């Protein structure tokens, strides 16, 4: 079974979730893990690529 690519709206939602969690005092790496993506994927998404 192939992995499905998230839609742009889903990516934006996950990036926003990380912002909210870090704003509540959670370390960024923990927030990234909580949304279910790798650190590399998060930084690639946040860079716009």
PDB file of N, CA and C in Angstrom:
ATOM      1  N   UNK A   1       0.844  -1.180   0.000  1.00  0.00           N
ATOM      2  CA  UNK A   1       0.000   0.000   0.000  1.00  0.00           C
ATOM      3  C   UNK A   1       0.890   1.243   0.000  1.00  0.00           C
ATOM      4  N   UNK A   2       0.619   2.132  -0.932  1.00  0.00           N
ATOM      5  CA  UNK A   2       1.436   3.333  -1.069  1.00  0.00           C
ATOM      6  C   UNK A   2       1.023   4.387  -0.038  1.00  0.00           C
ATOM      7  N   UNK A   3       2.007   5.176   0.389  1.00  0.00           N
ATOM      8  CA  UNK A   3       1.701   6.281   1.301  1.00  0.00           C
ATOM      9  C   UNK A   3       1.003   7.372   0.525  1.00  0.00           C
ATOM     10  N   UNK A   4      -0.035   7.956   1.112  1.00  0.00           N
ATOM     11  CA  UNK A   4      -0.713   9.044   0.418  1.00  0.00           C
ATOM     12  C   UNK A   4      -0.085  10.374   0.806  1.00  0.00           C
ATOM     13  N   UNK A   5      -0.003  11.251  -0.142  1.00  0.00           N
ATOM     14  CA  UNK A   5       0.534  12.573   0.145  1.00  0.00           C
ATOM     15  C   UNK A   5      -0.548  13.429   0.780  1.00  0.00           C
ATOM     16  N   UNK A   6      -0.188  14.169   1.813  1.00  0.00           N
ATOM     17  CA  UNK A   6      -1.189  15.040   2.428  1.00  0.00           C
ATOM     18  C   UNK A   6      -1.517  16.212   1.510  1.00  0.00           C
ATOM     19  N   UNK A   7      -2.742  16.663   1.568  1.00  0.00           N
ATOM     20  CA  UNK A   7      -3.169  17.823   0.786  1.00  0.00           C
ATOM     21  C   UNK A   7      -2.585  19.084   1.412  1.00  0.00           C
ATOM     22  N   UNK A   8      -2.446  20.144   0.638  1.00  0.00           N
ATOM     23  CA  UNK A   8      -1.891  21.385   1.186  1.00  0.00           C
ATOM     24  C   UNK A   8      -2.629  21.881   2.434  1.00  0.00           C
ATOM     25  N   UNK A   9      -3.943  21.687   2.478  1.00  0.00           N
ATOM     26  CA  UNK A   9      -4.707  22.128   3.655  1.00  0.00           C
ATOM     27  C   UNK A   9      -4.301  21.317   4.881  1.00  0.00           C
ATOM     28  N   UNK A  10      -4.047  20.013   4.682  1.00  0.00           N
ATOM     29  CA  UNK A  10      -3.642  19.164   5.807  1.00  0.00           C
ATOM     30  C   UNK A  10      -2.260  19.553   6.315  1.00  0.00           C
ATOM     31  N   UNK A  11      -1.362  19.887   5.385  1.00  0.00           N
ATOM     32  CA  UNK A  11      -0.022  20.327   5.774  1.00  0.00           C
ATOM     33  C   UNK A  11      -0.116  21.608   6.593  1.00  0.00           C
ATOM     34  N   UNK A  12      -0.910  22.569   6.112  1.00  0.00           N
ATOM     35  CA  UNK A  12      -1.058  23.837   6.826  1.00  0.00           C
ATOM     36  C   UNK A  12      -1.628  23.608   8.220  1.00  0.00           C
ATOM     37  N   UNK A  13      -2.581  22.697   8.338  1.00  0.00           N
ATOM     38  CA  UNK A  13      -3.173  22.392   9.638  1.00  0.00           C
ATOM     39  C   UNK A  13      -2.133  21.815  10.592  1.00  0.00           C
ATOM     40  N   UNK A  14      -1.316  20.890  10.103  1.00  0.00           N
ATOM     41  CA  UNK A  14      -0.293  20.285  10.962  1.00  0.00           C
ATOM     42  C   UNK A  14       0.767  21.304  11.369  1.00  0.00           C
ATOM     43  N   UNK A  15       1.162  22.186  10.456  1.00  0.00           N
ATOM     44  CA  UNK A  15       2.131  23.224  10.805  1.00  0.00           C
ATOM     45  C   UNK A  15       1.549  24.145  11.875  1.00  0.00           C
ATOM     46  N   UNK A  16       0.267  24.463  11.751  1.00  0.00           N
ATOM     47  CA  UNK A  16      -0.394  25.313  12.742  1.00  0.00           C
ATOM     48  C   UNK A  16      -0.471  24.610  14.094  1.00  0.00           C
ATOM     49  N   UNK A  17      -0.715  23.303  14.081  1.00  0.00           N
ATOM     50  CA  UNK A  17      -0.773  22.545  15.335  1.00  0.00           C
ATOM     51  C   UNK A  17       0.560  22.625  16.069  1.00  0.00           C
ATOM     52  N   UNK A  18       1.664  22.549  15.315  1.00  0.00           N
ATOM     53  CA  UNK A  18       2.983  22.646  15.949  1.00  0.00           C
ATOM     54  C   UNK A  18       3.140  24.028  16.577  1.00  0.00           C
ATOM     55  N   UNK A  19       2.713  25.075  15.867  1.00  0.00           N
ATOM     56  CA  UNK A  19       2.804  26.438  16.419  1.00  0.00           C
ATOM     57  C   UNK A  19       2.021  26.548  17.723  1.00  0.00           C
ATOM     58  N   UNK A  20       0.816  25.994  17.737  1.00  0.00           N
ATOM     59  CA  UNK A  20      -0.023  26.064  18.933  1.00  0.00           C
ATOM     60  C   UNK A  20       0.620  25.309  20.091  1.00  0.00           C
ATOM     61  N   UNK A  21       1.099  24.108  19.818  1.00  0.00           N
ATOM     62  CA  UNK A  21       1.701  23.298  20.882  1.00  0.00           C
ATOM     63  C   UNK A  21       2.959  23.950  21.431  1.00  0.00           C
ATOM     64  N   UNK A  22       3.791  24.523  20.568  1.00  0.00           N
ATOM     65  CA  UNK A  22       4.997  25.184  21.064  1.00  0.00           C
ATOM     66  C   UNK A  22       4.629  26.450  21.833  1.00  0.00           C
ATOM     67  N   UNK A  23       3.546  27.093  21.441  1.00  0.00           N
ATOM     68  CA  UNK A  23       3.075  28.262  22.169  1.00  0.00           C
ATOM     69  C   UNK A  23       2.589  27.914  23.566  1.00  0.00           C
ATOM     70  N   UNK A  24       2.159  26.678  23.740  1.00  0.00           N
ATOM     71  CA  UNK A  24       1.697  26.210  25.047  1.00  0.00           C
ATOM     72  C   UNK A  24       2.853  25.683  25.896  1.00  0.00           C
ATOM     73  N   UNK A  25       4.068  25.797  25.371  1.00  0.00           N
ATOM     74  CA  UNK A  25       5.233  25.425  26.155  1.00  0.00           C
ATOM     75  C   UNK A  25       5.829  24.063  25.839  1.00  0.00           C
ATOM     76  N   UNK A  26       5.284  23.354  24.864  1.00  0.00           N
ATOM     77  CA  UNK A  26       5.833  22.050  24.504  1.00  0.00           C
ATOM     78  C   UNK A  26       7.081  22.247  23.641  1.00  0.00           C
ATOM     79  N   UNK A  27       8.128  21.479  23.881  1.00  0.00           N
ATOM     80  CA  UNK A  27       9.307  21.577  23.014  1.00  0.00           C
ATOM     81  C   UNK A  27       8.949  21.261  21.567  1.00  0.00           C
ATOM     82  N   UNK A  28       9.602  21.959  20.638  1.00  0.00           N
ATOM     83  CA  UNK A  28       9.270  21.822  19.212  1.00  0.00           C
ATOM     84  C   UNK A  28       9.375  20.370  18.731  1.00  0.00           C
ATOM     85  N   UNK A  29      10.416  19.662  19.114  1.00  0.00           N
ATOM     86  CA  UNK A  29      10.567  18.278  18.644  1.00  0.00           C
ATOM     87  C   UNK A  29       9.426  17.387  19.133  1.00  0.00           C
ATOM     88  N   UNK A  30       8.991  17.597  20.364  1.00  0.00           N
ATOM     89  CA  UNK A  30       7.861  16.822  20.880  1.00  0.00           C
ATOM     90  C   UNK A  30       6.582  17.147  20.111  1.00  0.00           C
ATOM     91  N   UNK A  31       6.394  18.430  19.782  1.00  0.00           N
ATOM     92  CA  UNK A  31       5.209  18.835  19.027  1.00  0.00           C
ATOM     93  C   UNK A  31       5.220  18.219  17.629  1.00  0.00           C
ATOM     94  N   UNK A  32       6.401  18.194  17.008  1.00  0.00           N
ATOM     95  CA  UNK A  32       6.512  17.603  15.669  1.00  0.00           C
ATOM     96  C   UNK A  32       6.176  16.113  15.725  1.00  0.00           C
ATOM     97  N   UNK A  33       6.680  15.430  16.731  1.00  0.00           N
ATOM     98  CA  UNK A  33       6.379  14.000  16.879  1.00  0.00           C
ATOM     99  C   UNK A  33       4.889  13.774  17.126  1.00  0.00           C
ATOM    100  N   UNK A  34       4.270  14.671  17.878  1.00  0.00           N
ATOM    101  CA  UNK A  34       2.856  14.504  18.217  1.00  0.00           C
ATOM    102  C   UNK A  34       1.955  14.612  16.988  1.00  0.00           C
ATOM    103  N   UNK A  35       2.327  15.438  15.991  1.00  0.00           N
ATOM    104  CA  UNK A  35       1.475  15.547  14.802  1.00  0.00           C
ATOM    105  C   UNK A  35       1.703  14.389  13.839  1.00  0.00           C
ATOM    106  N   UNK A  36       2.713  13.552  14.115  1.00  0.00           N
ATOM    107  CA  UNK A  36       2.874  12.328  13.342  1.00  0.00           C
ATOM    108  C   UNK A  36       3.749  12.452  12.115  1.00  0.00           C
ATOM    109  N   UNK A  37       4.667  13.388  12.087  1.00  0.00           N
ATOM    110  CA  UNK A  37       5.596  13.492  10.966  1.00  0.00           C
ATOM    111  C   UNK A  37       7.025  13.492  11.499  1.00  0.00           C
ATOM    112  N   UNK A  38       7.977  13.295  10.598  1.00  0.00           N
ATOM    113  CA  UNK A  38       9.371  13.338  11.009  1.00  0.00           C
ATOM    114  C   UNK A  38       9.839  14.785  11.070  1.00  0.00           C
ATOM    115  N   UNK A  39      10.940  14.979  11.767  1.00  0.00           N
ATOM    116  CA  UNK A  39      11.518  16.320  11.878  1.00  0.00           C
ATOM    117  C   UNK A  39      11.880  16.854  10.492  1.00  0.00           C
ATOM    118  N   UNK A  40      12.442  15.990   9.661  1.00  0.00           N
ATOM    119  CA  UNK A  40      12.835  16.393   8.305  1.00  0.00           C
ATOM    120  C   UNK A  40      11.620  16.852   7.488  1.00  0.00           C
ATOM    121  N   UNK A  41      10.522  16.103   7.579  1.00  0.00           N
ATOM    122  CA  UNK A  41       9.307  16.471   6.857  1.00  0.00           C
ATOM    123  C   UNK A  41       8.778  17.805   7.346  1.00  0.00           C
ATOM    124  N   UNK A  42       8.764  18.007   8.647  1.00  0.00           N
ATOM    125  CA  UNK A  42       8.277  19.271   9.210  1.00  0.00           C
ATOM    126  C   UNK A  42       9.075  20.449   8.655  1.00  0.00           C
ATOM    127  N   UNK A  43      10.399  20.350   8.685  1.00  0.00           N
ATOM    128  CA  UNK A  43      11.223  21.465   8.231  1.00  0.00           C
ATOM    129  C   UNK A  43      11.093  21.672   6.720  1.00  0.00           C
ATOM    130  N   UNK A  44      10.898  20.596   5.963  1.00  0.00           N
ATOM    131  CA  UNK A  44      10.683  20.726   4.527  1.00  0.00           C
ATOM    132  C   UNK A  44       9.357  21.452   4.251  1.00  0.00           C
ATOM    133  N   UNK A  45       8.315  21.068   4.993  1.00  0.00           N
ATOM    134  CA  UNK A  45       7.022  21.724   4.828  1.00  0.00           C
ATOM    135  C   UNK A  45       7.104  23.189   5.224  1.00  0.00           C
ATOM    136  N   UNK A  46       7.745  23.473   6.338  1.00  0.00           N
ATOM    137  CA  UNK A  46       7.775  24.859   6.831  1.00  0.00           C
ATOM    138  C   UNK A  46       8.621  25.750   5.927  1.00  0.00           C
ATOM    139  N   UNK A  47       9.531  25.154   5.150  1.00  0.00           N
ATOM    140  CA  UNK A  47      10.342  25.934   4.212  1.00  0.00           C
ATOM    141  C   UNK A  47       9.588  26.191   2.916  1.00  0.00           C
ATOM    142  N   UNK A  48       8.437  25.550   2.752  1.00  0.00           N
ATOM    143  CA  UNK A  48       7.632  25.779   1.568  1.00  0.00           C
ATOM    144  C   UNK A  48       7.968  24.872   0.405  1.00  0.00           C
ATOM    145  N   UNK A  49       8.743  23.850   0.659  1.00  0.00           N
ATOM    146  CA  UNK A  49       9.157  22.973  -0.432  1.00  0.00           C
ATOM    147  C   UNK A  49       8.506  21.680  -0.350  1.00  0.00           C
TER     148      UNK A  49
END
